[in-house]
Amino acid sequence: MHYMQDNATVIAGGRGNHAYILAAAPIYDEWIRNNYELRVWQTYLQIGIQGRHWAKEVSTRIKKRGNVINNRFIKKKINRLTNNIAQASATITNL
């Protein structure tokens, strides 16, 4: 962290670097948030499958406790997050 603070002007000094940082920062932020949420939902799925216990987050969103319904909901959520992460990665690559 100190390295970034001490060398921020050198790192982002050029116009191209500055523009890239401004364009990439919100995309990286979205990527990080989606990646974290993906890990959380993967853990919920693992807990539900192994222990037959569904996290409160799942139960409140589904309003039911059926294994098939909860499984399907979480897998759709994981698929959506995976697609969002892939899209953010592709956007970063194209910058």
PDB file of N, CA and C in Angstrom:
ATOM      1  N   MET A   1       0.822  -1.184   0.000  1.00  0.00           N
ATOM      2  CA  MET A   1       0.000   0.000   0.000  1.00  0.00           C
ATOM      3  C   MET A   1       0.866   1.247   0.000  1.00  0.00           C
ATOM      4  N   HIS A   2       1.928   1.222   0.794  1.00  0.00           N
ATOM      5  CA  HIS A   2       2.803   2.391   0.847  1.00  0.00           C
ATOM      6  C   HIS A   2       3.494   2.617  -0.493  1.00  0.00           C
ATOM      7  N   TYR A   3       3.818   1.522  -1.170  1.00  0.00           N
ATOM      8  CA  TYR A   3       4.448   1.653  -2.481  1.00  0.00           C
ATOM      9  C   TYR A   3       3.535   2.410  -3.435  1.00  0.00           C
ATOM     10  N   MET A   4       2.253   2.043  -3.431  1.00  0.00           N
ATOM     11  CA  MET A   4       1.291   2.714  -4.312  1.00  0.00           C
ATOM     12  C   MET A   4       1.148   4.185  -3.945  1.00  0.00           C
ATOM     13  N   GLN A   5       1.082   4.483  -2.661  1.00  0.00           N
ATOM     14  CA  GLN A   5       0.948   5.877  -2.240  1.00  0.00           C
ATOM     15  C   GLN A   5       2.180   6.691  -2.602  1.00  0.00           C
ATOM     16  N   ASP A   6       3.352   6.114  -2.407  1.00  0.00           N
ATOM     17  CA  ASP A   6       4.591   6.836  -2.689  1.00  0.00           C
ATOM     18  C   ASP A   6       4.839   7.022  -4.179  1.00  0.00           C
ATOM     19  N   ASN A   7       4.376   6.087  -4.992  1.00  0.00           N
ATOM     20  CA  ASN A   7       4.678   6.113  -6.419  1.00  0.00           C
ATOM     21  C   ASN A   7       3.453   6.344  -7.294  1.00  0.00           C
ATOM     22  N   ALA A   8       2.373   6.828  -6.735  1.00  0.00           N
ATOM     23  CA  ALA A   8       1.138   7.013  -7.498  1.00  0.00           C
ATOM     24  C   ALA A   8       1.319   7.966  -8.663  1.00  0.00           C
ATOM     25  N   THR A   9       2.047   9.047  -8.470  1.00  0.00           N
ATOM     26  CA  THR A   9       2.225  10.003  -9.565  1.00  0.00           C
ATOM     27  C   THR A   9       3.063   9.406 -10.685  1.00  0.00           C
ATOM     28  N   VAL A  10       4.026   8.580 -10.350  1.00  0.00           N
ATOM     29  CA  VAL A  10       4.852   7.939 -11.378  1.00  0.00           C
ATOM     30  C   VAL A  10       4.037   6.894 -12.137  1.00  0.00           C
ATOM     31  N   ILE A  11       3.255   6.103 -11.402  1.00  0.00           N
ATOM     32  CA  ILE A  11       2.468   5.035 -12.013  1.00  0.00           C
ATOM     33  C   ILE A  11       1.384   5.601 -12.924  1.00  0.00           C
ATOM     34  N   ALA A  12       0.660   6.576 -12.451  1.00  0.00           N
ATOM     35  CA  ALA A  12      -0.468   7.127 -13.209  1.00  0.00           C
ATOM     36  C   ALA A  12      -0.117   8.452 -13.861  1.00  0.00           C
ATOM     37  N   GLY A  13       1.157   8.713 -14.023  1.00  0.00           N
ATOM     38  CA  GLY A  13       1.578  10.008 -14.542  1.00  0.00           C
ATOM     39  C   GLY A  13       1.201  10.254 -15.988  1.00  0.00           C
ATOM     40  N   GLY A  14       1.295   9.259 -16.839  1.00  0.00           N
ATOM     41  CA  GLY A  14       0.987   9.449 -18.247  1.00  0.00           C
ATOM     42  C   GLY A  14      -0.501   9.545 -18.491  1.00  0.00           C
ATOM     43  N   ARG A  15      -0.855  10.216 -19.575  1.00  0.00           N
ATOM     44  CA  ARG A  15      -2.282  10.361 -19.898  1.00  0.00           C
ATOM     45  C   ARG A  15      -2.937   9.020 -20.192  1.00  0.00           C
ATOM     46  N   GLY A  16      -2.209   8.157 -20.887  1.00  0.00           N
ATOM     47  CA  GLY A  16      -2.759   6.841 -21.203  1.00  0.00           C
ATOM     48  C   GLY A  16      -2.999   6.013 -19.956  1.00  0.00           C
ATOM     49  N   ASN A  17      -2.046   6.047 -19.040  1.00  0.00           N
ATOM     50  CA  ASN A  17      -2.206   5.306 -17.784  1.00  0.00           C
ATOM     51  C   ASN A  17      -3.369   5.852 -16.973  1.00  0.00           C
ATOM     52  N   HIS A  18      -3.464   7.164 -16.919  1.00  0.00           N
ATOM     53  CA  HIS A  18      -4.542   7.804 -16.157  1.00  0.00           C
ATOM     54  C   HIS A  18      -5.903   7.435 -16.747  1.00  0.00           C
ATOM     55  N   ALA A  19      -6.013   7.484 -18.062  1.00  0.00           N
ATOM     56  CA  ALA A  19      -7.278   7.135 -18.720  1.00  0.00           C
ATOM     57  C   ALA A  19      -7.620   5.664 -18.495  1.00  0.00           C
ATOM     58  N   TYR A  20      -6.607   4.807 -18.570  1.00  0.00           N
ATOM     59  CA  TYR A  20      -6.832   3.379 -18.350  1.00  0.00           C
ATOM     60  C   TYR A  20      -7.322   3.119 -16.930  1.00  0.00           C
ATOM     61  N   ILE A  21      -6.689   3.763 -15.964  1.00  0.00           N
ATOM     62  CA  ILE A  21      -7.082   3.583 -14.562  1.00  0.00           C
ATOM     63  C   ILE A  21      -8.518   4.044 -14.345  1.00  0.00           C
ATOM     64  N   LEU A  22      -8.873   5.190 -14.916  1.00  0.00           N
ATOM     65  CA  LEU A  22     -10.241   5.694 -14.761  1.00  0.00           C
ATOM     66  C   LEU A  22     -11.258   4.771 -15.428  1.00  0.00           C
ATOM     67  N   ALA A  23     -10.892   4.192 -16.560  1.00  0.00           N
ATOM     68  CA  ALA A  23     -11.815   3.294 -17.257  1.00  0.00           C
ATOM     69  C   ALA A  23     -11.888   1.923 -16.585  1.00  0.00           C
ATOM     70  N   ALA A  24     -10.761   1.451 -16.070  1.00  0.00           N
ATOM     71  CA  ALA A  24     -10.702   0.087 -15.546  1.00  0.00           C
ATOM     72  C   ALA A  24     -11.160  -0.041 -14.098  1.00  0.00           C
ATOM     73  N   ALA A  25     -11.032   1.005 -13.307  1.00  0.00           N
ATOM     74  CA  ALA A  25     -11.338   0.909 -11.871  1.00  0.00           C
ATOM     75  C   ALA A  25     -12.759   0.424 -11.585  1.00  0.00           C
ATOM     76  N   PRO A  26     -13.797   1.003 -12.215  1.00  0.00           N
ATOM     77  CA  PRO A  26     -15.146   0.500 -11.905  1.00  0.00           C
ATOM     78  C   PRO A  26     -15.375  -0.934 -12.388  1.00  0.00           C
ATOM     79  N   ILE A  27     -14.700  -1.312 -13.465  1.00  0.00           N
ATOM     80  CA  ILE A  27     -14.855  -2.678 -13.972  1.00  0.00           C
ATOM     81  C   ILE A  27     -14.187  -3.671 -13.026  1.00  0.00           C
ATOM     82  N   TYR A  28     -12.988  -3.326 -12.553  1.00  0.00           N
ATOM     83  CA  TYR A  28     -12.318  -4.178 -11.566  1.00  0.00           C
ATOM     84  C   TYR A  28     -13.137  -4.264 -10.281  1.00  0.00           C
ATOM     85  N   ASP A  29     -13.743  -3.164  -9.881  1.00  0.00           N
ATOM     86  CA  ASP A  29     -14.581  -3.161  -8.683  1.00  0.00           C
ATOM     87  C   ASP A  29     -15.744  -4.134  -8.846  1.00  0.00           C
ATOM     88  N   GLU A  30     -16.400  -4.072  -9.997  1.00  0.00           N
ATOM     89  CA  GLU A  30     -17.508  -4.985 -10.274  1.00  0.00           C
ATOM     90  C   GLU A  30     -17.018  -6.431 -10.299  1.00  0.00           C
ATOM     91  N   TRP A  31     -15.854  -6.666 -10.908  1.00  0.00           N
ATOM     92  CA  TRP A  31     -15.284  -8.007 -11.001  1.00  0.00           C
ATOM     93  C   TRP A  31     -15.013  -8.570  -9.608  1.00  0.00           C
ATOM     94  N   ILE A  32     -14.429  -7.746  -8.746  1.00  0.00           N
ATOM     95  CA  ILE A  32     -14.100  -8.188  -7.382  1.00  0.00           C
ATOM     96  C   ILE A  32     -15.367  -8.493  -6.591  1.00  0.00           C
ATOM     97  N   ARG A  33     -16.371  -7.608  -6.687  1.00  0.00           N
ATOM     98  CA  ARG A  33     -17.624  -7.842  -5.956  1.00  0.00           C
ATOM     99  C   ARG A  33     -18.321  -9.102  -6.448  1.00  0.00           C
ATOM    100  N   ASN A  34     -18.386  -9.301  -7.767  1.00  0.00           N
ATOM    101  CA  ASN A  34     -19.021 -10.500  -8.316  1.00  0.00           C
ATOM    102  C   ASN A  34     -18.260 -11.762  -7.938  1.00  0.00           C
ATOM    103  N   ASN A  35     -16.938 -11.684  -7.929  1.00  0.00           N
ATOM    104  CA  ASN A  35     -16.127 -12.838  -7.563  1.00  0.00           C
ATOM    105  C   ASN A  35     -16.356 -13.220  -6.100  1.00  0.00           C
ATOM    106  N   TYR A  36     -16.421 -12.226  -5.236  1.00  0.00           N
ATOM    107  CA  TYR A  36     -16.693 -12.489  -3.820  1.00  0.00           C
ATOM    108  C   TYR A  36     -18.081 -13.116  -3.654  1.00  0.00           C
ATOM    109  N   GLU A  37     -19.075 -12.532  -4.312  1.00  0.00           N
ATOM    110  CA  GLU A  37     -20.441 -13.050  -4.207  1.00  0.00           C
ATOM    111  C   GLU A  37     -20.527 -14.467  -4.772  1.00  0.00           C
ATOM    112  N   LEU A  38     -19.788 -14.732  -5.843  1.00  0.00           N
ATOM    113  CA  LEU A  38     -19.755 -16.077  -6.424  1.00  0.00           C
ATOM    114  C   LEU A  38     -19.245 -17.093  -5.406  1.00  0.00           C
ATOM    115  N   ARG A  39     -18.169 -16.758  -4.709  1.00  0.00           N
ATOM    116  CA  ARG A  39     -17.632 -17.671  -3.698  1.00  0.00           C
ATOM    117  C   ARG A  39     -18.634 -17.904  -2.573  1.00  0.00           C
ATOM    118  N   VAL A  40     -19.361 -16.856  -2.189  1.00  0.00           N
ATOM    119  CA  VAL A  40     -20.373 -17.004  -1.137  1.00  0.00           C
ATOM    120  C   VAL A  40     -21.466 -17.968  -1.585  1.00  0.00           C
ATOM    121  N   TRP A  41     -21.980 -17.795  -2.803  1.00  0.00           N
ATOM    122  CA  TRP A  41     -23.057 -18.655  -3.289  1.00  0.00           C
ATOM    123  C   TRP A  41     -22.577 -20.080  -3.538  1.00  0.00           C
ATOM    124  N   GLN A  42     -21.326 -20.254  -3.950  1.00  0.00           N
ATOM    125  CA  GLN A  42     -20.781 -21.601  -4.087  1.00  0.00           C
ATOM    126  C   GLN A  42     -20.708 -22.292  -2.729  1.00  0.00           C
ATOM    127  N   THR A  43     -20.364 -21.532  -1.710  1.00  0.00           N
ATOM    128  CA  THR A  43     -20.325 -22.088  -0.357  1.00  0.00           C
ATOM    129  C   THR A  43     -21.728 -22.445   0.120  1.00  0.00           C
ATOM    130  N   TYR A  44     -22.713 -21.584  -0.160  1.00  0.00           N
ATOM    131  CA  TYR A  44     -24.103 -21.897   0.191  1.00  0.00           C
ATOM    132  C   TYR A  44     -24.539 -23.201  -0.468  1.00  0.00           C
ATOM    133  N   LEU A  45     -24.189 -23.370  -1.736  1.00  0.00           N
ATOM    134  CA  LEU A  45     -24.563 -24.591  -2.449  1.00  0.00           C
ATOM    135  C   LEU A  45     -23.889 -25.807  -1.825  1.00  0.00           C
ATOM    136  N   GLN A  46     -22.617 -25.682  -1.521  1.00  0.00           N
ATOM    137  CA  GLN A  46     -21.876 -26.785  -0.913  1.00  0.00           C
ATOM    138  C   GLN A  46     -22.477 -27.165   0.441  1.00  0.00           C
ATOM    139  N   ILE A  47     -22.805 -26.172   1.249  1.00  0.00           N
ATOM    140  CA  ILE A  47     -23.419 -26.442   2.558  1.00  0.00           C
ATOM    141  C   ILE A  47     -24.772 -27.116   2.377  1.00  0.00           C
ATOM    142  N   GLY A  48     -25.556 -26.631   1.423  1.00  0.00           N
ATOM    143  CA  GLY A  48     -26.878 -27.199   1.191  1.00  0.00           C
ATOM    144  C   GLY A  48     -26.833 -28.629   0.699  1.00  0.00           C
ATOM    145  N   ILE A  49     -25.885 -28.921  -0.176  1.00  0.00           N
ATOM    146  CA  ILE A  49     -25.782 -30.274  -0.728  1.00  0.00           C
ATOM    147  C   ILE A  49     -25.220 -31.244   0.305  1.00  0.00           C
ATOM    148  N   GLN A  50     -24.165 -30.849   0.986  1.00  0.00           N
ATOM    149  CA  GLN A  50     -23.508 -31.756   1.931  1.00  0.00           C
ATOM    150  C   GLN A  50     -24.284 -31.921   3.229  1.00  0.00           C
ATOM    151  N   GLY A  51     -24.792 -30.826   3.748  1.00  0.00           N
ATOM    152  CA  GLY A  51     -25.411 -30.899   5.063  1.00  0.00           C
ATOM    153  C   GLY A  51     -26.918 -30.861   5.063  1.00  0.00           C
ATOM    154  N   ARG A  52     -27.498 -30.748   3.876  1.00  0.00           N
ATOM    155  CA  ARG A  52     -28.964 -30.633   3.779  1.00  0.00           C
ATOM    156  C   ARG A  52     -29.498 -29.487   4.631  1.00  0.00           C
ATOM    157  N   HIS A  53     -28.685 -28.476   4.782  1.00  0.00           N
ATOM    158  CA  HIS A  53     -29.086 -27.276   5.514  1.00  0.00           C
ATOM    159  C   HIS A  53     -28.861 -26.090   4.592  1.00  0.00           C
ATOM    160  N   TRP A  54     -29.884 -25.283   4.406  1.00  0.00           N
ATOM    161  CA  TRP A  54     -29.779 -24.141   3.507  1.00  0.00           C
ATOM    162  C   TRP A  54     -29.593 -22.872   4.321  1.00  0.00           C
ATOM    163  N   ALA A  55     -28.694 -22.042   3.865  1.00  0.00           N
ATOM    164  CA  ALA A  55     -28.407 -20.779   4.543  1.00  0.00           C
ATOM    165  C   ALA A  55     -29.656 -19.909   4.583  1.00  0.00           C
ATOM    166  N   LYS A  56     -29.733 -19.066   5.588  1.00  0.00           N
ATOM    167  CA  LYS A  56     -30.889 -18.188   5.755  1.00  0.00           C
ATOM    168  C   LYS A  56     -31.084 -17.306   4.525  1.00  0.00           C
ATOM    169  N   GLU A  57     -29.992 -16.878   3.925  1.00  0.00           N
ATOM    170  CA  GLU A  57     -30.050 -16.060   2.707  1.00  0.00           C
ATOM    171  C   GLU A  57     -30.843 -16.763   1.606  1.00  0.00           C
ATOM    172  N   VAL A  58     -30.631 -18.048   1.457  1.00  0.00           N
ATOM    173  CA  VAL A  58     -31.329 -18.832   0.436  1.00  0.00           C
ATOM    174  C   VAL A  58     -32.798 -18.978   0.809  1.00  0.00           C
ATOM    175  N   SER A  59     -33.067 -19.332   2.047  1.00  0.00           N
ATOM    176  CA  SER A  59     -34.446 -19.556   2.493  1.00  0.00           C
ATOM    177  C   SER A  59     -35.298 -18.301   2.383  1.00  0.00           C
ATOM    178  N   THR A  60     -34.730 -17.145   2.713  1.00  0.00           N
ATOM    179  CA  THR A  60     -35.517 -15.911   2.647  1.00  0.00           C
ATOM    180  C   THR A  60     -35.773 -15.482   1.210  1.00  0.00           C
ATOM    181  N   ARG A  61     -34.864 -15.770   0.312  1.00  0.00           N
ATOM    182  CA  ARG A  61     -35.077 -15.394  -1.089  1.00  0.00           C
ATOM    183  C   ARG A  61     -36.045 -16.330  -1.788  1.00  0.00           C
ATOM    184  N   ILE A  62     -36.018 -17.594  -1.435  1.00  0.00           N
ATOM    185  CA  ILE A  62     -36.849 -18.590  -2.098  1.00  0.00           C
ATOM    186  C   ILE A  62     -38.221 -18.710  -1.442  1.00  0.00           C
ATOM    187  N   LYS A  63     -38.276 -18.531  -0.158  1.00  0.00           N
ATOM    188  CA  LYS A  63     -39.503 -18.678   0.642  1.00  0.00           C
ATOM    189  C   LYS A  63     -39.944 -20.140   0.746  1.00  0.00           C
ATOM    190  N   LYS A  64     -39.086 -21.054   0.313  1.00  0.00           N
ATOM    191  CA  LYS A  64     -39.377 -22.482   0.427  1.00  0.00           C
ATOM    192  C   LYS A  64     -38.105 -23.186   0.860  1.00  0.00           C
ATOM    193  N   ARG A  65     -38.235 -24.415   1.287  1.00  0.00           N
ATOM    194  CA  ARG A  65     -37.065 -25.153   1.757  1.00  0.00           C
ATOM    195  C   ARG A  65     -36.801 -26.415   0.935  1.00  0.00           C
ATOM    196  N   GLY A  66     -37.333 -26.495  -0.252  1.00  0.00           N
ATOM    197  CA  GLY A  66     -37.120 -27.677  -1.082  1.00  0.00           C
ATOM    198  C   GLY A  66     -35.721 -27.720  -1.667  1.00  0.00           C
ATOM    199  N   ASN A  67     -35.110 -28.895  -1.613  1.00  0.00           N
ATOM    200  CA  ASN A  67     -33.742 -29.038  -2.101  1.00  0.00           C
ATOM    201  C   ASN A  67     -33.621 -28.739  -3.590  1.00  0.00           C
ATOM    202  N   VAL A  68     -34.557 -29.224  -4.383  1.00  0.00           N
ATOM    203  CA  VAL A  68     -34.488 -29.025  -5.831  1.00  0.00           C
ATOM    204  C   VAL A  68     -34.620 -27.546  -6.178  1.00  0.00           C
ATOM    205  N   ILE A  69     -35.567 -26.875  -5.563  1.00  0.00           N
ATOM    206  CA  ILE A  69     -35.794 -25.451  -5.838  1.00  0.00           C
ATOM    207  C   ILE A  69     -34.596 -24.624  -5.387  1.00  0.00           C
ATOM    208  N   ASN A  70     -34.096 -24.884  -4.201  1.00  0.00           N
ATOM    209  CA  ASN A  70     -32.934 -24.150  -3.692  1.00  0.00           C
ATOM    210  C   ASN A  70     -31.704 -24.402  -4.554  1.00  0.00           C
ATOM    211  N   ASN A  71     -31.517 -25.653  -4.942  1.00  0.00           N
ATOM    212  CA  ASN A  71     -30.400 -26.017  -5.807  1.00  0.00           C
ATOM    213  C   ASN A  71     -30.461 -25.251  -7.127  1.00  0.00           C
ATOM    214  N   ARG A  72     -31.621 -25.256  -7.744  1.00  0.00           N
ATOM    215  CA  ARG A  72     -31.814 -24.578  -9.029  1.00  0.00           C
ATOM    216  C   ARG A  72     -31.579 -23.076  -8.895  1.00  0.00           C
ATOM    217  N   PHE A  73     -32.105 -22.482  -7.836  1.00  0.00           N
ATOM    218  CA  PHE A  73     -31.939 -21.044  -7.618  1.00  0.00           C
ATOM    219  C   PHE A  73     -30.464 -20.675  -7.482  1.00  0.00           C
ATOM    220  N   ILE A  74     -29.738 -21.433  -6.662  1.00  0.00           N
ATOM    221  CA  ILE A  74     -28.325 -21.123  -6.431  1.00  0.00           C
ATOM    222  C   ILE A  74     -27.511 -21.342  -7.703  1.00  0.00           C
ATOM    223  N   LYS A  75     -27.809 -22.392  -8.447  1.00  0.00           N
ATOM    224  CA  LYS A  75     -27.068 -22.641  -9.688  1.00  0.00           C
ATOM    225  C   LYS A  75     -27.316 -21.535 -10.714  1.00  0.00           C
ATOM    226  N   LYS A  76     -28.533 -21.014 -10.774  1.00  0.00           N
ATOM    227  CA  LYS A  76     -28.813 -19.875 -11.660  1.00  0.00           C
ATOM    228  C   LYS A  76     -28.034 -18.647 -11.213  1.00  0.00           C
ATOM    229  N   LYS A  77     -27.987 -18.430  -9.917  1.00  0.00           N
ATOM    230  CA  LYS A  77     -27.245 -17.294  -9.357  1.00  0.00           C
ATOM    231  C   LYS A  77     -25.759 -17.426  -9.678  1.00  0.00           C
ATOM    232  N   ILE A  78     -25.206 -18.616  -9.499  1.00  0.00           N
ATOM    233  CA  ILE A  78     -23.798 -18.866  -9.801  1.00  0.00           C
ATOM    234  C   ILE A  78     -23.529 -18.659 -11.289  1.00  0.00           C
ATOM    235  N   ASN A  79     -24.423 -19.133 -12.137  1.00  0.00           N
ATOM    236  CA  ASN A  79     -24.265 -18.966 -13.580  1.00  0.00           C
ATOM    237  C   ASN A  79     -24.270 -17.487 -13.964  1.00  0.00           C
ATOM    238  N   ARG A  80     -25.180 -16.713 -13.383  1.00  0.00           N
ATOM    239  CA  ARG A  80     -25.259 -15.283 -13.677  1.00  0.00           C
ATOM    240  C   ARG A  80     -23.984 -14.571 -13.244  1.00  0.00           C
ATOM    241  N   LEU A  81     -23.500 -14.893 -12.048  1.00  0.00           N
ATOM    242  CA  LEU A  81     -22.277 -14.266 -11.549  1.00  0.00           C
ATOM    243  C   LEU A  81     -21.065 -14.654 -12.395  1.00  0.00           C
ATOM    244  N   THR A  82     -20.998 -15.917 -12.810  1.00  0.00           N
ATOM    245  CA  THR A  82     -19.902 -16.363 -13.671  1.00  0.00           C
ATOM    246  C   THR A  82     -19.918 -15.616 -14.998  1.00  0.00           C
ATOM    247  N   ASN A  83     -21.100 -15.429 -15.559  1.00  0.00           N
ATOM    248  CA  ASN A  83     -21.213 -14.664 -16.807  1.00  0.00           C
ATOM    249  C   ASN A  83     -20.800 -13.216 -16.609  1.00  0.00           C
ATOM    250  N   ASN A  84     -21.188 -12.614 -15.493  1.00  0.00           N
ATOM    251  CA  ASN A  84     -20.793 -11.230 -15.206  1.00  0.00           C
ATOM    252  C   ASN A  84     -19.279 -11.105 -15.069  1.00  0.00           C
ATOM    253  N   ILE A  85     -18.652 -12.076 -14.425  1.00  0.00           N
ATOM    254  CA  ILE A  85     -17.200 -12.062 -14.256  1.00  0.00           C
ATOM    255  C   ILE A  85     -16.510 -12.207 -15.611  1.00  0.00           C
ATOM    256  N   ALA A  86     -17.006 -13.105 -16.443  1.00  0.00           N
ATOM    257  CA  ALA A  86     -16.418 -13.291 -17.775  1.00  0.00           C
ATOM    258  C   ALA A  86     -16.568 -12.033 -18.620  1.00  0.00           C
ATOM    259  N   GLN A  87     -17.721 -11.394 -18.521  1.00  0.00           N
ATOM    260  CA  GLN A  87     -17.959 -10.163 -19.273  1.00  0.00           C
ATOM    261  C   GLN A  87     -17.034  -9.045 -18.796  1.00  0.00           C
ATOM    262  N   ALA A  88     -16.847  -8.919 -17.496  1.00  0.00           N
ATOM    263  CA  ALA A  88     -15.941  -7.895 -16.964  1.00  0.00           C
ATOM    264  C   ALA A  88     -14.504  -8.176 -17.392  1.00  0.00           C
ATOM    265  N   SER A  89     -14.107  -9.439 -17.387  1.00  0.00           N
ATOM    266  CA  SER A  89     -12.758  -9.805 -17.829  1.00  0.00           C
ATOM    267  C   SER A  89     -12.553  -9.464 -19.300  1.00  0.00           C
ATOM    268  N   ALA A  90     -13.559  -9.735 -20.117  1.00  0.00           N
ATOM    269  CA  ALA A  90     -13.466  -9.408 -21.543  1.00  0.00           C
ATOM    270  C   ALA A  90     -13.393  -7.901 -21.754  1.00  0.00           C
ATOM    271  N   THR A  91     -14.143  -7.152 -20.964  1.00  0.00           N
ATOM    272  CA  THR A  91     -14.116  -5.693 -21.071  1.00  0.00           C
ATOM    273  C   THR A  91     -12.745  -5.154 -20.702  1.00  0.00           C
ATOM    274  N   ILE A  92     -12.152  -5.682 -19.641  1.00  0.00           N
ATOM    275  CA  ILE A  92     -10.804  -5.261 -19.228  1.00  0.00           C
ATOM    276  C   ILE A  92      -9.797  -5.585 -20.331  1.00  0.00           C
ATOM    277  N   THR A  93      -9.927  -6.754 -20.931  1.00  0.00           N
ATOM    278  CA  THR A  93      -9.007  -7.157 -21.993  1.00  0.00           C
ATOM    279  C   THR A  93      -9.087  -6.208 -23.184  1.00  0.00           C
ATOM    280  N   ASN A  94     -10.280  -5.714 -23.470  1.00  0.00           N
ATOM    281  CA  ASN A  94     -10.468  -4.834 -24.629  1.00  0.00           C
ATOM    282  C   ASN A  94     -10.084  -3.386 -24.374  1.00  0.00           C
ATOM    283  N   LEU A  95      -9.726  -3.027 -23.145  1.00  0.00           N
ATOM    284  CA  LEU A  95      -9.356  -1.633 -22.872  1.00  0.00           C
ATOM    285  C   LEU A  95      -8.034  -1.274 -23.483  1.00  0.00           C
TER     286      LEU A  95
END
